[in-house]
């Protein structure tokens, strides 16, 4: 999984690295959905379907947003103390 460390600007803005945006439909003026999870925030291009997230968390078999929230919580719980 690719990761980047960024600072949040005065107005709450975060720059998503170009190499991460490339190929994800996140070009200039693209719209994204911001999903508030228990332990983080998920940013998804809105033209993408939920099925496009398949494989995001390996073999967890995430089928819907509720399961995604649970898996994300589990994933980040092991990384944040």
N, C-alpha and C. Protein backbone atom coordinates (compact mmCIF):
# COMPACT_ATOMS: atom_id res chain seq x y z
N UNK A 1 0.86 -1.17 0.00
CA UNK A 1 0.00 0.00 0.00
C UNK A 1 0.90 1.23 0.00
N UNK A 2 0.60 2.15 -0.87
CA UNK A 2 1.37 3.39 -0.97
C UNK A 2 0.85 4.39 0.05
N UNK A 3 1.75 5.09 0.71
CA UNK A 3 1.37 6.06 1.74
C UNK A 3 2.15 7.35 1.54
N UNK A 4 1.61 8.45 2.06
CA UNK A 4 2.28 9.75 2.00
C UNK A 4 1.95 10.53 3.27
N UNK A 5 2.89 11.32 3.74
CA UNK A 5 2.70 12.17 4.91
C UNK A 5 2.48 13.60 4.41
N UNK A 6 1.37 14.20 4.77
CA UNK A 6 1.04 15.56 4.31
C UNK A 6 0.56 16.39 5.49
N UNK A 7 0.66 17.72 5.34
CA UNK A 7 0.13 18.65 6.33
C UNK A 7 -1.22 19.16 5.86
N UNK A 8 -2.08 19.47 6.80
CA UNK A 8 -3.38 20.06 6.49
C UNK A 8 -3.21 21.57 6.47
N UNK A 9 -3.65 22.22 5.39
CA UNK A 9 -3.52 23.66 5.24
C UNK A 9 -4.50 24.43 6.12
N UNK A 10 -4.39 25.75 6.11
CA UNK A 10 -5.21 26.64 6.94
C UNK A 10 -6.71 26.43 6.72
N UNK A 11 -7.10 26.11 5.49
CA UNK A 11 -8.52 25.94 5.16
C UNK A 11 -8.92 24.47 5.14
N UNK A 12 -8.07 23.58 5.65
CA UNK A 12 -8.40 22.16 5.70
C UNK A 12 -8.00 21.40 4.45
N UNK A 13 -7.29 22.05 3.54
CA UNK A 13 -6.94 21.38 2.29
C UNK A 13 -5.73 20.47 2.46
N UNK A 14 -5.75 19.38 1.68
CA UNK A 14 -4.67 18.41 1.63
C UNK A 14 -4.37 18.15 0.16
N UNK A 15 -3.10 18.16 -0.21
CA UNK A 15 -2.71 17.87 -1.58
C UNK A 15 -2.46 16.37 -1.71
N UNK A 16 -3.21 15.73 -2.60
CA UNK A 16 -3.02 14.30 -2.87
C UNK A 16 -1.90 14.19 -3.90
N UNK A 17 -0.84 13.44 -3.60
CA UNK A 17 0.28 13.34 -4.53
C UNK A 17 -0.16 12.89 -5.93
N UNK A 18 0.47 13.48 -6.95
CA UNK A 18 0.12 13.21 -8.34
C UNK A 18 0.17 11.72 -8.65
N UNK A 19 1.21 11.03 -8.17
CA UNK A 19 1.32 9.60 -8.47
C UNK A 19 0.17 8.79 -7.87
N UNK A 20 -0.47 9.30 -6.83
CA UNK A 20 -1.63 8.61 -6.23
C UNK A 20 -2.91 8.95 -6.99
N UNK A 21 -3.01 10.19 -7.49
CA UNK A 21 -4.21 10.61 -8.25
C UNK A 21 -4.26 9.98 -9.63
N UNK A 22 -3.08 9.79 -10.22
CA UNK A 22 -2.98 9.29 -11.59
C UNK A 22 -3.70 7.95 -11.74
N UNK A 23 -4.54 7.85 -12.72
CA UNK A 23 -5.24 6.60 -12.98
C UNK A 23 -6.43 6.33 -12.07
N UNK A 24 -6.72 7.27 -11.17
CA UNK A 24 -7.85 7.08 -10.25
C UNK A 24 -9.02 7.99 -10.59
N UNK A 25 -8.90 8.72 -11.72
CA UNK A 25 -9.97 9.64 -12.09
C UNK A 25 -9.97 10.89 -11.24
N UNK A 26 -8.85 11.22 -10.64
CA UNK A 26 -8.76 12.38 -9.76
C UNK A 26 -7.96 13.49 -10.44
N UNK A 27 -8.47 13.94 -11.57
CA UNK A 27 -7.84 15.04 -12.31
C UNK A 27 -8.35 16.37 -11.76
N UNK A 28 -7.84 17.47 -12.28
CA UNK A 28 -8.29 18.80 -11.85
C UNK A 28 -9.80 18.90 -11.99
N UNK A 29 -10.45 19.42 -10.98
CA UNK A 29 -11.90 19.62 -10.89
C UNK A 29 -12.71 18.33 -10.80
N UNK A 30 -12.06 17.19 -10.64
CA UNK A 30 -12.80 15.94 -10.45
C UNK A 30 -13.51 16.00 -9.09
N UNK A 31 -14.65 15.38 -9.01
CA UNK A 31 -15.38 15.33 -7.75
C UNK A 31 -15.03 14.04 -7.02
N UNK A 32 -14.96 14.14 -5.71
CA UNK A 32 -14.68 12.98 -4.88
C UNK A 32 -15.71 12.91 -3.75
N UNK A 33 -15.90 11.72 -3.26
CA UNK A 33 -16.76 11.52 -2.09
C UNK A 33 -15.83 11.35 -0.90
N UNK A 34 -16.13 12.06 0.18
CA UNK A 34 -15.33 11.98 1.39
C UNK A 34 -16.18 11.27 2.43
N UNK A 35 -15.69 10.12 2.88
CA UNK A 35 -16.45 9.26 3.79
C UNK A 35 -15.78 9.30 5.15
N UNK A 36 -16.55 9.68 6.16
CA UNK A 36 -16.04 9.76 7.53
C UNK A 36 -16.15 8.38 8.18
N UNK A 37 -15.01 7.74 8.43
CA UNK A 37 -14.97 6.44 9.08
C UNK A 37 -14.62 6.64 10.55
N UNK A 38 -14.74 5.61 11.33
CA UNK A 38 -14.44 5.72 12.76
C UNK A 38 -13.01 6.19 13.02
N UNK A 39 -12.05 5.65 12.29
CA UNK A 39 -10.65 5.97 12.56
C UNK A 39 -9.94 6.65 11.40
N UNK A 40 -10.66 7.28 10.51
CA UNK A 40 -10.01 7.94 9.40
C UNK A 40 -11.01 8.49 8.41
N UNK A 41 -10.50 8.92 7.29
CA UNK A 41 -11.31 9.49 6.23
C UNK A 41 -10.94 8.78 4.93
N UNK A 42 -11.93 8.37 4.18
CA UNK A 42 -11.73 7.70 2.90
C UNK A 42 -12.15 8.66 1.79
N UNK A 43 -11.30 8.84 0.79
CA UNK A 43 -11.59 9.71 -0.35
C UNK A 43 -11.72 8.83 -1.59
N UNK A 44 -12.89 8.88 -2.25
CA UNK A 44 -13.16 8.02 -3.39
C UNK A 44 -13.68 8.88 -4.54
N UNK A 45 -13.12 8.73 -5.76
CA UNK A 45 -13.68 9.45 -6.91
C UNK A 45 -15.15 9.03 -7.09
N UNK A 46 -16.06 9.98 -7.24
CA UNK A 46 -17.48 9.62 -7.26
C UNK A 46 -17.89 8.87 -8.51
N UNK A 47 -17.12 8.93 -9.59
CA UNK A 47 -17.49 8.16 -10.76
C UNK A 47 -17.18 6.68 -10.58
N UNK A 48 -16.47 6.34 -9.53
CA UNK A 48 -16.15 4.94 -9.27
C UNK A 48 -17.31 4.28 -8.53
N UNK A 49 -17.51 3.01 -8.76
CA UNK A 49 -18.53 2.25 -8.07
C UNK A 49 -17.89 1.56 -6.87
N UNK A 50 -18.69 1.20 -5.88
CA UNK A 50 -18.17 0.54 -4.70
C UNK A 50 -17.38 -0.72 -5.07
N UNK A 51 -17.82 -1.42 -6.09
CA UNK A 51 -17.13 -2.63 -6.53
C UNK A 51 -15.70 -2.37 -6.96
N UNK A 52 -15.40 -1.13 -7.37
CA UNK A 52 -14.04 -0.78 -7.77
C UNK A 52 -13.09 -0.79 -6.59
N UNK A 53 -13.63 -0.80 -5.38
CA UNK A 53 -12.78 -0.86 -4.18
C UNK A 53 -12.40 -2.29 -3.83
N UNK A 54 -12.91 -3.26 -4.59
CA UNK A 54 -12.61 -4.67 -4.32
C UNK A 54 -11.10 -4.87 -4.27
N UNK A 55 -10.67 -5.59 -3.28
CA UNK A 55 -9.25 -5.88 -3.13
C UNK A 55 -8.50 -4.82 -2.35
N UNK A 56 -9.16 -3.73 -2.00
CA UNK A 56 -8.49 -2.65 -1.28
C UNK A 56 -7.88 -3.14 0.04
N UNK A 57 -8.57 -4.04 0.70
CA UNK A 57 -8.07 -4.57 1.97
C UNK A 57 -7.76 -6.05 1.87
N UNK A 58 -7.20 -6.46 0.75
CA UNK A 58 -6.76 -7.85 0.58
C UNK A 58 -7.93 -8.81 0.52
N UNK A 59 -7.85 -9.86 1.29
CA UNK A 59 -8.84 -10.93 1.23
C UNK A 59 -9.96 -10.76 2.25
N UNK A 60 -10.22 -9.55 2.71
CA UNK A 60 -11.25 -9.32 3.73
C UNK A 60 -12.66 -9.51 3.20
N UNK A 61 -12.88 -9.43 1.89
CA UNK A 61 -14.20 -9.66 1.32
C UNK A 61 -15.20 -8.57 1.67
N UNK A 62 -14.81 -7.31 1.62
CA UNK A 62 -15.69 -6.20 1.94
C UNK A 62 -16.79 -6.09 0.88
N UNK A 63 -18.05 -6.06 1.34
CA UNK A 63 -19.17 -6.05 0.41
C UNK A 63 -19.99 -4.76 0.44
N UNK A 64 -19.87 -3.97 1.50
CA UNK A 64 -20.65 -2.74 1.60
C UNK A 64 -19.93 -1.74 2.51
N UNK A 65 -20.49 -0.55 2.62
CA UNK A 65 -19.86 0.53 3.39
C UNK A 65 -19.73 0.15 4.87
N UNK A 66 -20.72 -0.52 5.43
CA UNK A 66 -20.66 -0.92 6.84
C UNK A 66 -19.48 -1.86 7.07
N UNK A 67 -19.29 -2.83 6.19
CA UNK A 67 -18.15 -3.75 6.31
C UNK A 67 -16.84 -3.01 6.06
N UNK A 68 -16.85 -2.06 5.12
CA UNK A 68 -15.64 -1.27 4.86
C UNK A 68 -15.24 -0.49 6.10
N UNK A 69 -16.21 0.09 6.79
CA UNK A 69 -15.95 0.83 8.03
C UNK A 69 -15.32 -0.09 9.07
N UNK A 70 -15.86 -1.29 9.22
CA UNK A 70 -15.34 -2.25 10.21
C UNK A 70 -13.92 -2.68 9.86
N UNK A 71 -13.67 -2.99 8.60
CA UNK A 71 -12.34 -3.43 8.16
C UNK A 71 -11.34 -2.29 8.29
N UNK A 72 -11.76 -1.08 7.94
CA UNK A 72 -10.87 0.07 8.06
C UNK A 72 -10.51 0.31 9.51
N UNK A 73 -11.49 0.20 10.40
CA UNK A 73 -11.24 0.35 11.84
C UNK A 73 -10.22 -0.69 12.30
N UNK A 74 -10.40 -1.92 11.89
CA UNK A 74 -9.48 -3.01 12.25
C UNK A 74 -8.08 -2.73 11.68
N UNK A 75 -8.04 -2.28 10.44
CA UNK A 75 -6.77 -2.01 9.76
C UNK A 75 -5.99 -0.92 10.49
N UNK A 76 -6.65 0.22 10.77
CA UNK A 76 -5.97 1.33 11.41
C UNK A 76 -5.71 1.10 12.89
N UNK A 77 -6.49 0.26 13.53
CA UNK A 77 -6.28 -0.03 14.96
C UNK A 77 -4.90 -0.64 15.19
N UNK A 78 -4.43 -1.41 14.24
CA UNK A 78 -3.12 -2.02 14.37
C UNK A 78 -1.98 -1.08 14.05
N UNK A 79 -2.29 0.09 13.46
CA UNK A 79 -1.25 1.03 13.04
C UNK A 79 -1.14 2.24 13.96
N UNK A 80 -2.20 2.54 14.69
CA UNK A 80 -2.23 3.75 15.52
C UNK A 80 -2.35 3.33 16.98
N UNK A 81 -1.48 3.87 17.79
CA UNK A 81 -1.52 3.53 19.23
C UNK A 81 -2.09 4.67 20.02
